[in-house]
Amino acid sequence: MNCIIVDDEPLARDEMHALIKDVSDLDMLGKFSNAPAALDFISTNEVDLIFLDIQMPMVTGLEFAAQIPNQVLTIFTTAYPQYALKSYELDAIDYLLKPVDKSRLEKAIHKAEIYKTLLSHATEKNTIEANTEQYLIVKSDRRFYRINFEDIRFIEGLKDYVVIYTKSQKLITAMNLKAIHQKIPSGIFVRVSKSYVVNKKYVESFDHHTIYLTDNEIPLGEVYKNDFFKEYLGNVSNPDIP
């Protein structure tokens, strides 16, 4: 995968470059101090992944992320945790806090590589053909696949697609999250952010910001928080949890 770094601090760019070289075989195409220069580069070069700071002059990382092409993936790198939920609304692959932990970076890059593979495998041909009270029928490569709702752990919105996570596989299909949410039973699934729908039975724990499933942490969006708490805690709009 080809990548670039966008950060207004020279030392931060160099440190991130060194970390990326240490944990991956990504091809570093360039390092940029501002978003406009990076956007010009993307317009004439094939970039798969951007490591993007948020607090920058001229154009912030969040503003820049809203302008990049759909096929370009983003990992935010910042010292400010308060932008995490906003970053997921922009379909970010991950959100890494500075100083960036090497193991977290490696995990984020691995996730980006998986998504890149999914997006490159004729995803436009994957479509939901039918749904019942128990399952979805997804057409992929001239075959129809039955996906039982009880086997779906969660669904993630990604660019112009959704990724359906079951117990044994990840399946990407050309549909937005709102559309697929209307096709699945509300008694089983709950919308928890702009980018995620989760199967209620797989929720193991949660706090004010995160829902914990086995091996997965799902961000809990502000807009959906009260409804989620009512689902699990009854009429408690502001529970006393961290």
C-alpha atoms as a PDB file:
ATOM      1  CA  MET A   1       0.000   0.000   0.000  1.00  0.00           C
ATOM      2  CA  ASN A   2       1.115   3.546  -0.742  1.00  0.00           C
ATOM      3  CA  CYS A   3       0.879   6.075   2.078  1.00  0.00           C
ATOM      4  CA  ILE A   4       1.657   9.675   3.021  1.00  0.00           C
ATOM      5  CA  ILE A   5       1.990  11.598   6.293  1.00  0.00           C
ATOM      6  CA  VAL A   6       0.314  14.974   6.837  1.00  0.00           C
ATOM      7  CA  ASP A   7       1.435  16.816   9.984  1.00  0.00           C
ATOM      8  CA  ASP A   8       2.553  20.410  10.528  1.00  0.00           C
ATOM      9  CA  GLU A   9       5.269  19.397  13.031  1.00  0.00           C
ATOM     10  CA  PRO A  10       8.552  18.226  11.380  1.00  0.00           C
ATOM     11  CA  LEU A  11       9.569  16.095  14.362  1.00  0.00           C
ATOM     12  CA  ALA A  12       6.172  14.394  14.449  1.00  0.00           C
ATOM     13  CA  ARG A  13       6.432  13.584  10.730  1.00  0.00           C
ATOM     14  CA  ASP A  14       9.865  12.042  11.179  1.00  0.00           C
ATOM     15  CA  GLU A  15       8.828  10.046  14.251  1.00  0.00           C
ATOM     16  CA  MET A  16       5.752   8.692  12.496  1.00  0.00           C
ATOM     17  CA  HIS A  17       7.785   7.752   9.429  1.00  0.00           C
ATOM     18  CA  ALA A  18      10.261   5.832  11.587  1.00  0.00           C
ATOM     19  CA  LEU A  19       7.458   3.980  13.375  1.00  0.00           C
ATOM     20  CA  ILE A  20       5.748   3.055  10.108  1.00  0.00           C
ATOM     21  CA  LYS A  21       9.004   1.656   8.701  1.00  0.00           C
ATOM     22  CA  ASP A  22       9.502  -0.327  11.884  1.00  0.00           C
ATOM     23  CA  VAL A  23       6.147  -2.105  11.874  1.00  0.00           C
ATOM     24  CA  SER A  24       5.141  -2.384   8.204  1.00  0.00           C
ATOM     25  CA  ASP A  25       6.222  -2.556   4.571  1.00  0.00           C
ATOM     26  CA  LEU A  26       4.083   0.390   3.449  1.00  0.00           C
ATOM     27  CA  ASP A  27       5.515   2.505   0.634  1.00  0.00           C
ATOM     28  CA  MET A  28       5.982   6.063   1.894  1.00  0.00           C
ATOM     29  CA  LEU A  29       5.341   8.426  -1.014  1.00  0.00           C
ATOM     30  CA  GLY A  30       5.739  11.713   0.840  1.00  0.00           C
ATOM     31  CA  LYS A  31       5.430  13.800   4.008  1.00  0.00           C
ATOM     32  CA  PHE A  32       3.508  17.080   4.022  1.00  0.00           C
ATOM     33  CA  SER A  33       3.233  19.968   6.467  1.00  0.00           C
ATOM     34  CA  ASN A  34      -0.242  21.098   5.379  1.00  0.00           C
ATOM     35  CA  ALA A  35      -3.438  19.741   3.875  1.00  0.00           C
ATOM     36  CA  PRO A  36      -3.511  21.777   0.604  1.00  0.00           C
ATOM     37  CA  ALA A  37      -0.101  20.438  -0.439  1.00  0.00           C
ATOM     38  CA  ALA A  38      -1.190  16.891   0.375  1.00  0.00           C
ATOM     39  CA  LEU A  39      -4.436  17.317  -1.567  1.00  0.00           C
ATOM     40  CA  ASP A  40      -2.501  18.476  -4.640  1.00  0.00           C
ATOM     41  CA  PHE A  41      -0.278  15.403  -4.360  1.00  0.00           C
ATOM     42  CA  ILE A  42      -3.242  13.031  -4.044  1.00  0.00           C
ATOM     43  CA  SER A  43      -4.816  14.464  -7.195  1.00  0.00           C
ATOM     44  CA  THR A  44      -1.885  13.250  -9.327  1.00  0.00           C
ATOM     45  CA  ASN A  45      -0.601  10.232  -7.370  1.00  0.00           C
ATOM     46  CA  GLU A  46      -2.098   6.946  -6.224  1.00  0.00           C
ATOM     47  CA  VAL A  47      -2.363   7.130  -2.438  1.00  0.00           C
ATOM     48  CA  ASP A  48      -4.026   4.340  -0.472  1.00  0.00           C
ATOM     49  CA  LEU A  49      -3.578   5.534   3.115  1.00  0.00           C
ATOM     50  CA  ILE A  50      -3.015   8.854   4.923  1.00  0.00           C
ATOM     51  CA  PHE A  51      -1.631   9.307   8.428  1.00  0.00           C
ATOM     52  CA  LEU A  52      -3.288  12.592   9.290  1.00  0.00           C
ATOM     53  CA  ASP A  53      -2.842  15.105  12.106  1.00  0.00           C
ATOM     54  CA  ILE A  54      -5.899  17.122  13.140  1.00  0.00           C
ATOM     55  CA  GLN A  55      -4.702  20.462  14.537  1.00  0.00           C
ATOM     56  CA  MET A  56      -3.013  22.105  11.545  1.00  0.00           C
ATOM     57  CA  PRO A  57      -2.972  25.653  10.099  1.00  0.00           C
ATOM     58  CA  MET A  58      -5.015  26.668   7.044  1.00  0.00           C
ATOM     59  CA  VAL A  59      -7.061  23.459   6.829  1.00  0.00           C
ATOM     60  CA  THR A  60      -7.579  21.107   9.778  1.00  0.00           C
ATOM     61  CA  GLY A  61      -7.225  17.364   9.450  1.00  0.00           C
ATOM     62  CA  LEU A  62     -10.974  16.907   9.885  1.00  0.00           C
ATOM     63  CA  GLU A  63     -11.717  19.397   7.099  1.00  0.00           C
ATOM     64  CA  PHE A  64      -9.135  17.721   4.870  1.00  0.00           C
ATOM     65  CA  ALA A  65     -10.517  14.230   5.522  1.00  0.00           C
ATOM     66  CA  ALA A  66     -13.914  15.369   4.244  1.00  0.00           C
ATOM     67  CA  GLN A  67     -12.313  16.332   0.890  1.00  0.00           C
ATOM     68  CA  ILE A  68     -10.251  13.256   0.061  1.00  0.00           C
ATOM     69  CA  PRO A  69     -11.462  10.673  -2.487  1.00  0.00           C
ATOM     70  CA  ASN A  70     -13.535   7.762  -1.193  1.00  0.00           C
ATOM     71  CA  GLN A  71     -10.917   5.153  -2.054  1.00  0.00           C
ATOM     72  CA  VAL A  72      -8.281   6.788   0.179  1.00  0.00           C
ATOM     73  CA  LEU A  73      -8.204   5.465   3.763  1.00  0.00           C
ATOM     74  CA  THR A  74      -7.353   7.631   6.780  1.00  0.00           C
ATOM     75  CA  ILE A  75      -5.679   7.026  10.138  1.00  0.00           C
ATOM     76  CA  PHE A  76      -5.774  10.082  12.388  1.00  0.00           C
ATOM     77  CA  THR A  77      -2.728  10.796  14.565  1.00  0.00           C
ATOM     78  CA  THR A  78      -3.285  13.505  17.164  1.00  0.00           C
ATOM     79  CA  ALA A  79      -2.697  14.613  20.741  1.00  0.00           C
ATOM     80  CA  TYR A  80      -6.368  15.516  21.198  1.00  0.00           C
ATOM     81  CA  PRO A  81      -8.727  12.674  22.256  1.00  0.00           C
ATOM     82  CA  GLN A  82     -11.872  14.822  21.996  1.00  0.00           C
ATOM     83  CA  TYR A  83     -11.999  14.474  18.189  1.00  0.00           C
ATOM     84  CA  ALA A  84     -12.251  10.671  18.194  1.00  0.00           C
ATOM     85  CA  LEU A  85     -15.993  10.374  17.596  1.00  0.00           C
ATOM     86  CA  LYS A  86     -15.919  13.015  14.864  1.00  0.00           C
ATOM     87  CA  SER A  87     -13.137  11.108  13.104  1.00  0.00           C
ATOM     88  CA  TYR A  88     -15.282   7.967  12.852  1.00  0.00           C
ATOM     89  CA  GLU A  89     -18.071  10.023  11.302  1.00  0.00           C
ATOM     90  CA  LEU A  90     -15.538  10.696   8.535  1.00  0.00           C
ATOM     91  CA  ASP A  91     -14.992   6.946   8.051  1.00  0.00           C
ATOM     92  CA  ALA A  92     -11.515   6.948   9.568  1.00  0.00           C
ATOM     93  CA  ILE A  93      -9.845   3.559   9.860  1.00  0.00           C
ATOM     94  CA  ASP A  94      -8.432   4.404  13.284  1.00  0.00           C
ATOM     95  CA  TYR A  95      -7.598   7.191  15.701  1.00  0.00           C
ATOM     96  CA  LEU A  96      -4.143   7.113  17.301  1.00  0.00           C
ATOM     97  CA  LEU A  97      -3.137   9.359  20.185  1.00  0.00           C
ATOM     98  CA  LYS A  98       0.344  10.879  20.307  1.00  0.00           C
ATOM     99  CA  PRO A  99       2.812   9.676  21.332  1.00  0.00           C
ATOM    100  CA  VAL A 100       1.752   6.839  19.056  1.00  0.00           C
ATOM    101  CA  ASP A 101       2.092   3.378  20.550  1.00  0.00           C
ATOM    102  CA  LYS A 102       3.893   0.963  18.217  1.00  0.00           C
ATOM    103  CA  SER A 103       1.503  -1.940  18.800  1.00  0.00           C
ATOM    104  CA  ARG A 104      -1.548   0.294  18.212  1.00  0.00           C
ATOM    105  CA  LEU A 105      -0.014   1.582  14.998  1.00  0.00           C
ATOM    106  CA  GLU A 106       0.660  -1.946  13.793  1.00  0.00           C
ATOM    107  CA  LYS A 107      -2.942  -2.921  14.537  1.00  0.00           C
ATOM    108  CA  ALA A 108      -4.283   0.146  12.687  1.00  0.00           C
ATOM    109  CA  ILE A 109      -2.151  -0.562   9.618  1.00  0.00           C
ATOM    110  CA  HIS A 110      -3.277  -4.187   9.591  1.00  0.00           C
ATOM    111  CA  LYS A 111      -6.905  -3.029   9.681  1.00  0.00           C
ATOM    112  CA  ALA A 112      -6.252  -0.651   6.779  1.00  0.00           C
ATOM    113  CA  GLU A 113      -4.675  -3.457   4.752  1.00  0.00           C
ATOM    114  CA  ILE A 114      -7.711  -5.680   5.347  1.00  0.00           C
ATOM    115  CA  TYR A 115     -10.089  -2.909   4.255  1.00  0.00           C
ATOM    116  CA  LYS A 116      -8.012  -2.168   1.183  1.00  0.00           C
ATOM    117  CA  THR A 117      -8.260  -5.826   0.175  1.00  0.00           C
ATOM    118  CA  LEU A 118     -12.001  -5.881   0.759  1.00  0.00           C
ATOM    119  CA  LEU A 119     -12.562  -2.702  -1.242  1.00  0.00           C
ATOM    120  CA  SER A 120     -10.474  -3.953  -4.175  1.00  0.00           C
ATOM    121  CA  HIS A 121     -12.355  -7.240  -4.673  1.00  0.00           C
ATOM    122  CA  ALA A 122     -15.238  -6.223  -6.949  1.00  0.00           C
ATOM    123  CA  THR A 123     -17.344  -4.923  -4.098  1.00  0.00           C
ATOM    124  CA  GLU A 124     -19.778  -3.308  -6.496  1.00  0.00           C
ATOM    125  CA  LYS A 125     -20.986  -6.822  -7.383  1.00  0.00           C
ATOM    126  CA  ASN A 126     -21.950  -7.618  -3.791  1.00  0.00           C
ATOM    127  CA  THR A 127     -25.585  -6.679  -3.282  1.00  0.00           C
ATOM    128  CA  ILE A 128     -28.341  -7.531  -0.815  1.00  0.00           C
ATOM    129  CA  GLU A 129     -31.010  -9.304  -2.835  1.00  0.00           C
ATOM    130  CA  ALA A 130     -33.571 -10.166  -0.150  1.00  0.00           C
ATOM    131  CA  ASN A 131     -34.249 -10.212   3.566  1.00  0.00           C
ATOM    132  CA  THR A 132     -36.573 -12.086   5.901  1.00  0.00           C
ATOM    133  CA  GLU A 133     -37.116 -12.007   9.652  1.00  0.00           C
ATOM    134  CA  GLN A 134     -34.214 -14.426  10.127  1.00  0.00           C
ATOM    135  CA  TYR A 135     -31.607 -13.661   7.453  1.00  0.00           C
ATOM    136  CA  LEU A 136     -30.230 -11.595   4.572  1.00  0.00           C
ATOM    137  CA  ILE A 137     -29.490 -12.936   1.095  1.00  0.00           C
ATOM    138  CA  VAL A 138     -26.331 -11.387  -0.375  1.00  0.00           C
ATOM    139  CA  LYS A 139     -25.315 -11.895  -4.004  1.00  0.00           C
ATOM    140  CA  SER A 140     -21.568 -12.137  -4.593  1.00  0.00           C
ATOM    141  CA  ASP A 141     -19.742 -13.504  -7.662  1.00  0.00           C
ATOM    142  CA  ARG A 142     -22.793 -15.228  -9.179  1.00  0.00           C
ATOM    143  CA  ARG A 143     -23.714 -16.936  -5.892  1.00  0.00           C
ATOM    144  CA  PHE A 144     -26.317 -16.146  -3.240  1.00  0.00           C
ATOM    145  CA  TYR A 145     -25.246 -16.285   0.384  1.00  0.00           C
ATOM    146  CA  ARG A 146     -27.564 -16.617   3.359  1.00  0.00           C
ATOM    147  CA  ILE A 147     -26.430 -14.606   6.397  1.00  0.00           C
ATOM    148  CA  ASN A 148     -28.381 -15.320   9.554  1.00  0.00           C
ATOM    149  CA  PHE A 149     -29.021 -12.240  11.682  1.00  0.00           C
ATOM    150  CA  GLU A 150     -28.002 -14.112  14.832  1.00  0.00           C
ATOM    151  CA  ASP A 151     -24.536 -14.653  13.312  1.00  0.00           C
ATOM    152  CA  ILE A 152     -23.939 -10.954  12.568  1.00  0.00           C
ATOM    153  CA  ARG A 153     -21.886  -9.379  15.366  1.00  0.00           C
ATOM    154  CA  PHE A 154     -21.902  -5.816  14.036  1.00  0.00           C
ATOM    155  CA  ILE A 155     -22.065  -3.816  10.814  1.00  0.00           C
ATOM    156  CA  GLU A 156     -19.683  -0.971   9.995  1.00  0.00           C
ATOM    157  CA  GLY A 157     -20.229   1.819   7.482  1.00  0.00           C
ATOM    158  CA  LEU A 158     -17.126   2.339   5.333  1.00  0.00           C
ATOM    159  CA  LYS A 159     -17.132   5.020   2.630  1.00  0.00           C
ATOM    160  CA  ASP A 160     -19.891   3.992   0.196  1.00  0.00           C
ATOM    161  CA  TYR A 161     -20.119   0.458   1.571  1.00  0.00           C
ATOM    162  CA  VAL A 162     -20.922  -1.523   4.686  1.00  0.00           C
ATOM    163  CA  VAL A 163     -18.839  -4.308   6.199  1.00  0.00           C
ATOM    164  CA  ILE A 164     -20.889  -7.126   7.762  1.00  0.00           C
ATOM    165  CA  TYR A 165     -18.951  -8.864  10.537  1.00  0.00           C
ATOM    166  CA  THR A 166     -20.172 -12.382  11.295  1.00  0.00           C
ATOM    167  CA  LYS A 167     -18.690 -15.001  13.603  1.00  0.00           C
ATOM    168  CA  SER A 168     -16.479 -16.319  10.824  1.00  0.00           C
ATOM    169  CA  GLN A 169     -16.114 -13.717   8.054  1.00  0.00           C
ATOM    170  CA  LYS A 170     -16.223 -10.117   6.884  1.00  0.00           C
ATOM    171  CA  LEU A 171     -18.446  -9.356   3.907  1.00  0.00           C
ATOM    172  CA  ILE A 172     -18.524  -5.966   2.196  1.00  0.00           C
ATOM    173  CA  THR A 173     -21.444  -4.819   0.086  1.00  0.00           C
ATOM    174  CA  ALA A 174     -22.386  -1.671  -1.814  1.00  0.00           C
ATOM    175  CA  MET A 175     -24.970  -0.102   0.499  1.00  0.00           C
ATOM    176  CA  ASN A 176     -24.943   2.673   3.086  1.00  0.00           C
ATOM    177  CA  LEU A 177     -25.503   1.957   6.771  1.00  0.00           C
ATOM    178  CA  LYS A 178     -28.921   3.645   6.916  1.00  0.00           C
ATOM    179  CA  ALA A 179     -30.242   1.458   4.101  1.00  0.00           C
ATOM    180  CA  ILE A 180     -29.084  -1.823   5.599  1.00  0.00           C
ATOM    181  CA  HIS A 181     -30.324  -0.774   9.042  1.00  0.00           C
ATOM    182  CA  GLN A 182     -33.826  -0.572   7.582  1.00  0.00           C
ATOM    183  CA  LYS A 183     -33.542  -4.182   6.351  1.00  0.00           C
ATOM    184  CA  ILE A 184     -32.538  -5.758   9.674  1.00  0.00           C
ATOM    185  CA  PRO A 185     -34.760  -6.296  12.747  1.00  0.00           C
ATOM    186  CA  SER A 186     -34.654  -3.570  15.407  1.00  0.00           C
ATOM    187  CA  GLY A 187     -35.281  -6.185  18.062  1.00  0.00           C
ATOM    188  CA  ILE A 188     -31.842  -7.657  17.360  1.00  0.00           C
ATOM    189  CA  PHE A 189     -29.756  -4.660  16.222  1.00  0.00           C
ATOM    190  CA  VAL A 190     -29.206  -1.156  17.544  1.00  0.00           C
ATOM    191  CA  ARG A 191     -27.598   1.853  15.828  1.00  0.00           C
ATOM    192  CA  VAL A 192     -24.829   3.184  18.096  1.00  0.00           C
ATOM    193  CA  SER A 193     -23.094   5.795  15.910  1.00  0.00           C
ATOM    194  CA  LYS A 194     -23.044   7.184  12.402  1.00  0.00           C
ATOM    195  CA  SER A 195     -20.747   4.326  11.383  1.00  0.00           C
ATOM    196  CA  TYR A 196     -21.897   1.304  13.426  1.00  0.00           C
ATOM    197  CA  VAL A 197     -24.858  -0.985  14.086  1.00  0.00           C
ATOM    198  CA  VAL A 198     -24.351  -3.744  16.667  1.00  0.00           C
ATOM    199  CA  ASN A 199     -26.119  -6.980  17.502  1.00  0.00           C
ATOM    200  CA  LYS A 200     -27.434  -6.508  21.048  1.00  0.00           C
ATOM    201  CA  LYS A 201     -26.595 -10.018  22.204  1.00  0.00           C
ATOM    202  CA  TYR A 202     -22.867  -9.558  21.526  1.00  0.00           C
ATOM    203  CA  VAL A 203     -22.524  -6.455  23.726  1.00  0.00           C
ATOM    204  CA  GLU A 204     -20.396  -7.496  26.716  1.00  0.00           C
ATOM    205  CA  SER A 205     -19.928  -4.110  28.429  1.00  0.00           C
ATOM    206  CA  PHE A 206     -19.993  -0.366  27.736  1.00  0.00           C
ATOM    207  CA  ASP A 207     -19.210   3.065  29.132  1.00  0.00           C
ATOM    208  CA  HIS A 208     -20.105   6.596  28.022  1.00  0.00           C
ATOM    209  CA  HIS A 209     -17.879   6.430  24.957  1.00  0.00           C
ATOM    210  CA  THR A 210     -17.283   2.802  23.946  1.00  0.00           C
ATOM    211  CA  ILE A 211     -19.166  -0.471  23.482  1.00  0.00           C
ATOM    212  CA  TYR A 212     -17.100  -3.604  24.076  1.00  0.00           C
ATOM    213  CA  LEU A 213     -17.653  -6.766  22.081  1.00  0.00           C
ATOM    214  CA  THR A 214     -15.271  -9.713  22.168  1.00  0.00           C
ATOM    215  CA  ASP A 215     -12.104  -8.507  20.359  1.00  0.00           C
ATOM    216  CA  ASN A 216     -13.789  -5.275  19.230  1.00  0.00           C
ATOM    217  CA  GLU A 217     -14.348  -1.788  20.637  1.00  0.00           C
ATOM    218  CA  ILE A 218     -17.166   0.198  19.010  1.00  0.00           C
ATOM    219  CA  PRO A 219     -17.437   3.998  19.498  1.00  0.00           C
ATOM    220  CA  LEU A 220     -20.719   5.192  21.009  1.00  0.00           C
ATOM    221  CA  GLY A 221     -21.942   8.363  19.285  1.00  0.00           C
ATOM    222  CA  GLU A 222     -23.454  11.258  21.232  1.00  0.00           C
ATOM    223  CA  VAL A 223     -26.618  11.315  19.112  1.00  0.00           C
ATOM    224  CA  TYR A 224     -27.321   7.635  19.832  1.00  0.00           C
ATOM    225  CA  LYS A 225     -26.165   7.485  23.458  1.00  0.00           C
ATOM    226  CA  ASN A 226     -29.483   8.069  25.278  1.00  0.00           C
ATOM    227  CA  ASP A 227     -31.365   5.497  23.189  1.00  0.00           C
ATOM    228  CA  PHE A 228     -28.590   2.973  23.777  1.00  0.00           C
ATOM    229  CA  PHE A 229     -28.667   3.498  27.541  1.00  0.00           C
ATOM    230  CA  LYS A 230     -32.470   3.170  27.575  1.00  0.00           C
ATOM    231  CA  GLU A 231     -32.114  -0.126  25.725  1.00  0.00           C
ATOM    232  CA  TYR A 232     -29.895  -1.577  28.432  1.00  0.00           C
ATOM    233  CA  LEU A 233     -30.608   0.485  31.547  1.00  0.00           C
ATOM    234  CA  GLY A 234     -34.226   1.540  31.172  1.00  0.00           C
ATOM    235  CA  ASN A 235     -35.106   5.221  31.658  1.00  0.00           C
ATOM    236  CA  VAL A 236     -31.616   6.257  32.733  1.00  0.00           C
ATOM    237  CA  SER A 237     -30.483   9.098  30.478  1.00  0.00           C
ATOM    238  CA  ASN A 238     -27.240   9.886  32.311  1.00  0.00           C
ATOM    239  CA  PRO A 239     -25.992   6.785  34.151  1.00  0.00           C
ATOM    240  CA  ASP A 240     -23.206   7.155  36.691  1.00  0.00           C
ATOM    241  CA  ILE A 241     -20.437   5.392  34.776  1.00  0.00           C
ATOM    242  CA  PRO A 242     -17.033   6.761  33.712  1.00  0.00           C
END
